[in-house]
């Protein structure tokens, strides 16, 4: 078994309103950060898992994201998987 580290980024789908991101955008613009066009808020999750190989680890993280960590109706995700820790 090999240890893997997954770095998962979860964000709202582009069609979903992001009131927290909108508030931060407005706040930054009011503080003279005029170049900031839009802010979207998301989640970052790191997890360590063991698996027989990279393909199995990838499948496990994919399943976790789809079934537990995200709401597929309003969120999307991407992840990076690295062997060893």
Protein backbone atom coordinates (compact mmCIF):
# COMPACT_ATOMS: atom_id res chain seq x y z
CA UNK A 1 0.00 0.00 0.00
CA UNK A 2 1.15 3.49 -0.83
CA UNK A 3 0.24 6.71 0.93
CA UNK A 4 -1.23 9.49 -1.20
CA UNK A 5 -2.06 13.10 -0.51
CA UNK A 6 -5.06 14.65 -2.24
CA UNK A 7 -5.51 18.41 -2.51
CA UNK A 8 -9.16 19.09 -3.33
CA UNK A 9 -10.59 22.43 -4.43
CA UNK A 10 -14.36 22.86 -4.34
CA UNK A 11 -16.08 25.87 -5.88
CA UNK A 12 -19.59 26.94 -6.66
CA UNK A 13 -20.69 26.36 -10.25
CA UNK A 14 -20.52 29.57 -12.32
CA UNK A 15 -24.32 29.70 -12.53
CA UNK A 16 -24.68 29.76 -8.71
CA UNK A 17 -24.71 33.12 -6.94
CA UNK A 18 -21.86 33.66 -4.48
CA UNK A 19 -22.95 36.35 -1.98
CA UNK A 20 -19.77 36.04 0.10
CA UNK A 21 -17.62 36.46 -3.01
CA UNK A 22 -19.70 39.46 -4.09
CA UNK A 23 -19.27 41.09 -0.67
CA UNK A 24 -15.50 40.60 -0.78
CA UNK A 25 -15.35 41.96 -4.34
CA UNK A 26 -17.21 45.12 -3.30
CA UNK A 27 -15.05 45.54 -0.20
CA UNK A 28 -11.84 45.26 -2.20
CA UNK A 29 -13.09 47.71 -4.80
CA UNK A 30 -14.03 50.19 -2.06
CA UNK A 31 -10.47 49.92 -0.74
CA UNK A 32 -9.08 51.01 -4.10
CA UNK A 33 -8.36 47.53 -5.51
CA UNK A 34 -10.16 48.58 -8.67
CA UNK A 35 -8.60 45.82 -10.79
CA UNK A 36 -10.47 43.12 -8.87
CA UNK A 37 -13.35 42.12 -11.13
CA UNK A 38 -14.82 39.14 -9.26
CA UNK A 39 -14.16 36.95 -6.23
CA UNK A 40 -15.55 33.43 -5.86
CA UNK A 41 -15.32 31.64 -2.51
CA UNK A 42 -14.59 27.94 -2.28
CA UNK A 43 -13.25 25.21 -0.02
CA UNK A 44 -9.83 23.56 0.12
CA UNK A 45 -9.49 20.08 1.58
CA UNK A 46 -6.35 18.02 2.07
CA UNK A 47 -6.59 14.35 2.85
CA UNK A 48 -4.15 11.52 3.24
CA UNK A 49 -5.17 8.04 2.16
CA UNK A 50 -3.60 4.69 1.41
CA UNK A 51 -4.27 2.66 -1.70
CA UNK A 52 -2.74 -0.15 -3.71
CA UNK A 53 -1.87 2.16 -6.63
CA UNK A 54 -2.47 5.63 -8.06
CA UNK A 55 -5.50 4.55 -10.09
CA UNK A 56 -7.21 3.16 -6.99
CA UNK A 57 -6.38 6.30 -4.99
CA UNK A 58 -7.74 8.48 -7.79
CA UNK A 59 -10.97 6.48 -7.87
CA UNK A 60 -11.35 6.75 -4.08
CA UNK A 61 -10.91 10.52 -4.09
CA UNK A 62 -13.27 10.86 -7.04
CA UNK A 63 -15.92 8.88 -5.17
CA UNK A 64 -15.42 10.90 -1.96
CA UNK A 65 -15.83 14.14 -3.89
CA UNK A 66 -18.96 12.98 -5.69
CA UNK A 67 -20.69 11.31 -2.76
CA UNK A 68 -19.55 13.11 0.39
CA UNK A 69 -17.51 16.29 0.00
CA UNK A 70 -19.54 18.22 -2.59
CA UNK A 71 -23.09 19.05 -3.47
CA UNK A 72 -23.05 18.19 -7.19
CA UNK A 73 -26.11 20.36 -7.84
CA UNK A 74 -24.27 23.60 -6.98
CA UNK A 75 -20.57 22.72 -6.66
CA UNK A 76 -17.76 21.52 -8.84
CA UNK A 77 -14.40 20.12 -7.78
CA UNK A 78 -10.92 19.33 -8.95
CA UNK A 79 -8.09 17.60 -7.18
CA UNK A 80 -4.43 16.81 -7.38
CA UNK A 81 -3.04 13.53 -6.11
CA UNK A 82 0.56 12.99 -5.02
CA UNK A 83 2.25 9.79 -3.89
CA UNK A 84 4.13 9.80 -0.62
CA UNK A 85 3.97 12.22 2.23
